[in-house]
Amino acid sequence: MKCDQQLVSEFGESVEVFKLNGSTEWEKIESLGRHVIYIGGKACLCIEAKTTVTANKIYFPCAF
């Protein structure tokens, strides 16, 4: 999949996303498509986005 935007963290650093091919090889992906990833301190969740605004994004917890 191709995407016109780069995944960037809050601090401006790029984030790379990989998926497991088969059982031993990791493949870099360029887009999450219609999915969104939420990463928390104790759990992570990848679901189909409910709106196009949240699609193809990764959300991290706020750092206070």
PDB file of N, CA and C in Angstrom:
ATOM      1  N   MET A   1       0.833  -1.182   0.000  1.00  0.00           N
ATOM      2  CA  MET A   1       0.000   0.000   0.000  1.00  0.00           C
ATOM      3  C   MET A   1       0.877   1.244   0.000  1.00  0.00           C
ATOM      4  N   LYS A   2       0.424   2.298  -0.608  1.00  0.00           N
ATOM      5  CA  LYS A   2       1.158   3.560  -0.657  1.00  0.00           C
ATOM      6  C   LYS A   2       0.387   4.624   0.113  1.00  0.00           C
ATOM      7  N   CYS A   3       1.129   5.597   0.619  1.00  0.00           N
ATOM      8  CA  CYS A   3       0.512   6.683   1.374  1.00  0.00           C
ATOM      9  C   CYS A   3       1.281   7.965   1.093  1.00  0.00           C
ATOM     10  N   ASP A   4       0.576   9.090   0.976  1.00  0.00           N
ATOM     11  CA  ASP A   4       1.219  10.369   0.707  1.00  0.00           C
ATOM     12  C   ASP A   4       1.826  10.996   1.949  1.00  0.00           C
ATOM     13  N   GLN A   5       1.521  10.463   3.116  1.00  0.00           N
ATOM     14  CA  GLN A   5       2.034  11.065   4.341  1.00  0.00           C
ATOM     15  C   GLN A   5       2.914  10.076   5.093  1.00  0.00           C
ATOM     16  N   GLN A   6       3.813  10.614   5.884  1.00  0.00           N
ATOM     17  CA  GLN A   6       4.717   9.788   6.680  1.00  0.00           C
ATOM     18  C   GLN A   6       4.196   9.778   8.111  1.00  0.00           C
ATOM     19  N   LEU A   7       4.276   8.625   8.744  1.00  0.00           N
ATOM     20  CA  LEU A   7       3.864   8.545  10.138  1.00  0.00           C
ATOM     21  C   LEU A   7       4.919   9.239  10.986  1.00  0.00           C
ATOM     22  N   VAL A   8       4.504  10.237  11.759  1.00  0.00           N
ATOM     23  CA  VAL A   8       5.438  11.031  12.546  1.00  0.00           C
ATOM     24  C   VAL A   8       4.950  11.100  13.980  1.00  0.00           C
ATOM     25  N   SER A   9       5.866  10.923  14.932  1.00  0.00           N
ATOM     26  CA  SER A   9       5.500  10.999  16.341  1.00  0.00           C
ATOM     27  C   SER A   9       5.303  12.450  16.755  1.00  0.00           C
ATOM     28  N   GLU A  10       4.814  12.668  17.961  1.00  0.00           N
ATOM     29  CA  GLU A  10       4.560  14.010  18.491  1.00  0.00           C
ATOM     30  C   GLU A  10       5.833  14.847  18.500  1.00  0.00           C
ATOM     31  N   PHE A  11       6.969  14.207  18.646  1.00  0.00           N
ATOM     32  CA  PHE A  11       8.234  14.922  18.721  1.00  0.00           C
ATOM     33  C   PHE A  11       8.908  15.056  17.362  1.00  0.00           C
ATOM     34  N   GLY A  12       8.201  14.700  16.286  1.00  0.00           N
ATOM     35  CA  GLY A  12       8.713  14.872  14.945  1.00  0.00           C
ATOM     36  C   GLY A  12       9.602  13.750  14.444  1.00  0.00           C
ATOM     37  N   GLU A  13       9.677  12.653  15.184  1.00  0.00           N
ATOM     38  CA  GLU A  13      10.474  11.517  14.745  1.00  0.00           C
ATOM     39  C   GLU A  13       9.599  10.554  13.960  1.00  0.00           C
ATOM     40  N   SER A  14      10.130   9.976  12.893  1.00  0.00           N
ATOM     41  CA  SER A  14       9.371   9.024  12.095  1.00  0.00           C
ATOM     42  C   SER A  14       9.105   7.753  12.884  1.00  0.00           C
ATOM     43  N   VAL A  15       7.973   7.147  12.569  1.00  0.00           N
ATOM     44  CA  VAL A  15       7.589   5.881  13.175  1.00  0.00           C
ATOM     45  C   VAL A  15       7.478   4.867  12.055  1.00  0.00           C
ATOM     46  N   GLU A  16       8.137   3.736  12.190  1.00  0.00           N
ATOM     47  CA  GLU A  16       8.044   2.680  11.190  1.00  0.00           C
ATOM     48  C   GLU A  16       7.129   1.591  11.701  1.00  0.00           C
ATOM     49  N   VAL A  17       6.310   1.041  10.792  1.00  0.00           N
ATOM     50  CA  VAL A  17       5.365  -0.007  11.148  1.00  0.00           C
ATOM     51  C   VAL A  17       5.677  -1.238  10.305  1.00  0.00           C
ATOM     52  N   PHE A  18       5.679  -2.397  10.961  1.00  0.00           N
ATOM     53  CA  PHE A  18       5.979  -3.656  10.289  1.00  0.00           C
ATOM     54  C   PHE A  18       4.858  -4.654  10.539  1.00  0.00           C
ATOM     55  N   LYS A  19       4.658  -5.567   9.585  1.00  0.00           N
ATOM     56  CA  LYS A  19       3.725  -6.665   9.798  1.00  0.00           C
ATOM     57  C   LYS A  19       4.488  -7.973   9.624  1.00  0.00           C
ATOM     58  N   LEU A  20       4.038  -8.989  10.314  1.00  0.00           N
ATOM     59  CA  LEU A  20       4.686 -10.288  10.280  1.00  0.00           C
ATOM     60  C   LEU A  20       4.163 -11.074   9.084  1.00  0.00           C
ATOM     61  N   ASN A  21       5.065 -11.442   8.184  1.00  0.00           N
ATOM     62  CA  ASN A  21       4.730 -12.250   7.023  1.00  0.00           C
ATOM     63  C   ASN A  21       5.012 -13.701   7.355  1.00  0.00           C
ATOM     64  N   GLY A  22       4.023 -14.536   7.243  1.00  0.00           N
ATOM     65  CA  GLY A  22       4.236 -15.931   7.616  1.00  0.00           C
ATOM     66  C   GLY A  22       4.475 -16.013   9.104  1.00  0.00           C
ATOM     67  N   SER A  23       5.598 -16.603   9.482  1.00  0.00           N
ATOM     68  CA  SER A  23       5.868 -16.716  10.916  1.00  0.00           C
ATOM     69  C   SER A  23       7.240 -16.187  11.311  1.00  0.00           C
ATOM     70  N   THR A  24       8.068 -15.789  10.320  1.00  0.00           N
ATOM     71  CA  THR A  24       9.428 -15.382  10.680  1.00  0.00           C
ATOM     72  C   THR A  24       9.928 -14.093  10.033  1.00  0.00           C
ATOM     73  N   GLU A  25       9.251 -13.575   9.039  1.00  0.00           N
ATOM     74  CA  GLU A  25       9.764 -12.397   8.334  1.00  0.00           C
ATOM     75  C   GLU A  25       8.898 -11.170   8.596  1.00  0.00           C
ATOM     76  N   TRP A  26       9.537 -10.034   8.885  1.00  0.00           N
ATOM     77  CA  TRP A  26       8.850  -8.771   9.099  1.00  0.00           C
ATOM     78  C   TRP A  26       8.929  -7.942   7.830  1.00  0.00           C
ATOM     79  N   GLU A  27       7.813  -7.345   7.425  1.00  0.00           N
ATOM     80  CA  GLU A  27       7.732  -6.520   6.223  1.00  0.00           C
ATOM     81  C   GLU A  27       7.272  -5.115   6.619  1.00  0.00           C
ATOM     82  N   LYS A  28       8.032  -4.115   6.202  1.00  0.00           N
ATOM     83  CA  LYS A  28       7.670  -2.725   6.497  1.00  0.00           C
ATOM     84  C   LYS A  28       6.448  -2.344   5.667  1.00  0.00           C
ATOM     85  N   ILE A  29       5.475  -1.676   6.298  1.00  0.00           N
ATOM     86  CA  ILE A  29       4.306  -1.209   5.570  1.00  0.00           C
ATOM     87  C   ILE A  29       4.337   0.313   5.526  1.00  0.00           C
ATOM     88  N   GLU A  30       3.752   0.882   4.490  1.00  0.00           N
ATOM     89  CA  GLU A  30       3.772   2.328   4.284  1.00  0.00           C
ATOM     90  C   GLU A  30       2.467   2.990   4.686  1.00  0.00           C
ATOM     91  N   SER A  31       1.415   2.206   4.919  1.00  0.00           N
ATOM     92  CA  SER A  31       0.113   2.773   5.244  1.00  0.00           C
ATOM     93  C   SER A  31      -0.679   1.795   6.098  1.00  0.00           C
ATOM     94  N   LEU A  32      -1.480   2.328   7.004  1.00  0.00           N
ATOM     95  CA  LEU A  32      -2.387   1.505   7.792  1.00  0.00           C
ATOM     96  C   LEU A  32      -3.734   1.362   7.097  1.00  0.00           C
ATOM     97  N   GLY A  33      -3.893   2.068   5.984  1.00  0.00           N
ATOM     98  CA  GLY A  33      -5.155   2.011   5.253  1.00  0.00           C
ATOM     99  C   GLY A  33      -6.285   2.577   6.087  1.00  0.00           C
ATOM    100  N   ARG A  34      -7.339   1.805   6.260  1.00  0.00           N
ATOM    101  CA  ARG A  34      -8.516   2.253   7.015  1.00  0.00           C
ATOM    102  C   ARG A  34      -8.393   1.940   8.504  1.00  0.00           C
ATOM    103  N   HIS A  35      -7.217   1.555   8.951  1.00  0.00           N
ATOM    104  CA  HIS A  35      -7.035   1.180  10.355  1.00  0.00           C
ATOM    105  C   HIS A  35      -6.384   2.287  11.176  1.00  0.00           C
ATOM    106  N   VAL A  36      -6.529   2.180  12.473  1.00  0.00           N
ATOM    107  CA  VAL A  36      -5.921   3.102  13.427  1.00  0.00           C
ATOM    108  C   VAL A  36      -5.317   2.259  14.542  1.00  0.00           C
ATOM    109  N   ILE A  37      -4.159   2.694  15.060  1.00  0.00           N
ATOM    110  CA  ILE A  37      -3.497   1.981  16.158  1.00  0.00           C
ATOM    111  C   ILE A  37      -3.458   2.897  17.372  1.00  0.00           C
ATOM    112  N   TYR A  38      -3.881   2.363  18.513  1.00  0.00           N
ATOM    113  CA  TYR A  38      -3.785   3.062  19.798  1.00  0.00           C
ATOM    114  C   TYR A  38      -2.753   2.319  20.629  1.00  0.00           C
ATOM    115  N   ILE A  39      -1.730   3.029  21.107  1.00  0.00           N
ATOM    116  CA  ILE A  39      -0.670   2.424  21.905  1.00  0.00           C
ATOM    117  C   ILE A  39      -0.722   3.031  23.297  1.00  0.00           C
ATOM    118  N   GLY A  40      -0.891   2.181  24.305  1.00  0.00           N
ATOM    119  CA  GLY A  40      -0.957   2.645  25.684  1.00  0.00           C
ATOM    120  C   GLY A  40       0.142   2.014  26.511  1.00  0.00           C
ATOM    121  N   GLY A  41       0.170   2.359  27.781  1.00  0.00           N
ATOM    122  CA  GLY A  41       1.190   1.831  28.669  1.00  0.00           C
ATOM    123  C   GLY A  41       1.052   0.340  28.931  1.00  0.00           C
ATOM    124  N   LYS A  42      -0.193  -0.170  28.904  1.00  0.00           N
ATOM    125  CA  LYS A  42      -0.418  -1.572  29.226  1.00  0.00           C
ATOM    126  C   LYS A  42      -1.060  -2.373  28.103  1.00  0.00           C
ATOM    127  N   ALA A  43      -1.493  -1.701  27.044  1.00  0.00           N
ATOM    128  CA  ALA A  43      -2.164  -2.410  25.953  1.00  0.00           C
ATOM    129  C   ALA A  43      -2.037  -1.639  24.648  1.00  0.00           C
ATOM    130  N   CYS A  44      -2.200  -2.357  23.545  1.00  0.00           N
ATOM    131  CA  CYS A  44      -2.219  -1.771  22.210  1.00  0.00           C
ATOM    132  C   CYS A  44      -3.458  -2.291  21.493  1.00  0.00           C
ATOM    133  N   LEU A  45      -3.994  -1.492  20.588  1.00  0.00           N
ATOM    134  CA  LEU A  45      -5.208  -1.871  19.889  1.00  0.00           C
ATOM    135  C   LEU A  45      -5.114  -1.392  18.451  1.00  0.00           C
ATOM    136  N   CYS A  46      -5.418  -2.271  17.522  1.00  0.00           N
ATOM    137  CA  CYS A  46      -5.485  -1.912  16.101  1.00  0.00           C
ATOM    138  C   CYS A  46      -6.882  -2.269  15.622  1.00  0.00           C
ATOM    139  N   ILE A  47      -7.636  -1.244  15.177  1.00  0.00           N
ATOM    140  CA  ILE A  47      -9.004  -1.463  14.734  1.00  0.00           C
ATOM    141  C   ILE A  47      -9.264  -0.693  13.444  1.00  0.00           C
ATOM    142  N   GLU A  48     -10.373  -1.032  12.786  1.00  0.00           N
ATOM    143  CA  GLU A  48     -10.783  -0.266  11.621  1.00  0.00           C
ATOM    144  C   GLU A  48     -11.322   1.081  12.112  1.00  0.00           C
ATOM    145  N   ALA A  49     -10.846   2.146  11.517  1.00  0.00           N
ATOM    146  CA  ALA A  49     -11.245   3.494  11.939  1.00  0.00           C
ATOM    147  C   ALA A  49     -12.716   3.731  11.660  1.00  0.00           C
ATOM    148  N   LYS A  50     -13.369   4.435  12.567  1.00  0.00           N
ATOM    149  CA  LYS A  50     -14.793   4.757  12.408  1.00  0.00           C
ATOM    150  C   LYS A  50     -14.992   5.936  11.470  1.00  0.00           C
ATOM    151  N   THR A  51     -13.988   6.818  11.350  1.00  0.00           N
ATOM    152  CA  THR A  51     -14.070   7.973  10.452  1.00  0.00           C
ATOM    153  C   THR A  51     -12.785   8.067   9.635  1.00  0.00           C
ATOM    154  N   THR A  52     -12.842   8.765   8.525  1.00  0.00           N
ATOM    155  CA  THR A  52     -11.651   8.923   7.690  1.00  0.00           C
ATOM    156  C   THR A  52     -10.608   9.813   8.363  1.00  0.00           C
ATOM    157  N   VAL A  53     -11.045  10.650   9.294  1.00  0.00           N
ATOM    158  CA  VAL A  53     -10.122  11.550  10.000  1.00  0.00           C
ATOM    159  C   VAL A  53      -9.148  10.758  10.867  1.00  0.00           C
ATOM    160  N   THR A  54      -9.595   9.666  11.468  1.00  0.00           N
ATOM    161  CA  THR A  54      -8.729   8.880  12.355  1.00  0.00           C
ATOM    162  C   THR A  54      -8.014   7.749  11.624  1.00  0.00           C
ATOM    163  N   ALA A  55      -8.364   7.479  10.374  1.00  0.00           N
ATOM    164  CA  ALA A  55      -7.743   6.386   9.617  1.00  0.00           C
ATOM    165  C   ALA A  55      -6.265   6.672   9.329  1.00  0.00           C
ATOM    166  N   ASN A  56      -5.480   5.615   9.253  1.00  0.00           N
ATOM    167  CA  ASN A  56      -4.057   5.674   8.914  1.00  0.00           C
ATOM    168  C   ASN A  56      -3.257   6.511   9.916  1.00  0.00           C
ATOM    169  N   LYS A  57      -3.595   6.364  11.202  1.00  0.00           N
ATOM    170  CA  LYS A  57      -2.895   7.114  12.243  1.00  0.00           C
ATOM    171  C   LYS A  57      -2.535   6.204  13.400  1.00  0.00           C
ATOM    172  N   ILE A  58      -1.527   6.625  14.160  1.00  0.00           N
ATOM    173  CA  ILE A  58      -1.118   5.935  15.384  1.00  0.00           C
ATOM    174  C   ILE A  58      -1.231   6.949  16.514  1.00  0.00           C
ATOM    175  N   TYR A  59      -1.912   6.556  17.586  1.00  0.00           N
ATOM    176  CA  TYR A  59      -2.086   7.432  18.732  1.00  0.00           C
ATOM    177  C   TYR A  59      -1.302   6.894  19.923  1.00  0.00           C
ATOM    178  N   PHE A  60      -0.516   7.771  20.548  1.00  0.00           N
ATOM    179  CA  PHE A  60       0.275   7.449  21.727  1.00  0.00           C
ATOM    180  C   PHE A  60      -0.337   8.156  22.946  1.00  0.00           C
ATOM    181  N   PRO A  61      -0.108   7.641  24.143  1.00  0.00           N
ATOM    182  CA  PRO A  61      -0.623   8.330  25.329  1.00  0.00           C
ATOM    183  C   PRO A  61       0.069   9.669  25.506  1.00  0.00           C
ATOM    184  N   CYS A  62      -0.628  10.596  26.132  1.00  0.00           N
ATOM    185  CA  CYS A  62      -0.036  11.914  26.438  1.00  0.00           C
ATOM    186  C   CYS A  62       1.048  11.745  27.479  1.00  0.00           C
ATOM    187  N   ALA A  63       2.163  12.413  27.289  1.00  0.00           N
ATOM    188  CA  ALA A  63       3.256  12.392  28.267  1.00  0.00           C
ATOM    189  C   ALA A  63       3.200  13.688  29.074  1.00  0.00           C
ATOM    190  N   PHE A  64       2.967  13.556  30.360  1.00  0.00           N
ATOM    191  CA  PHE A  64       2.866  14.746  31.219  1.00  0.00           C
ATOM    192  C   PHE A  64       4.133  14.926  32.000  1.00  0.00           C
TER     193      PHE A  64
END
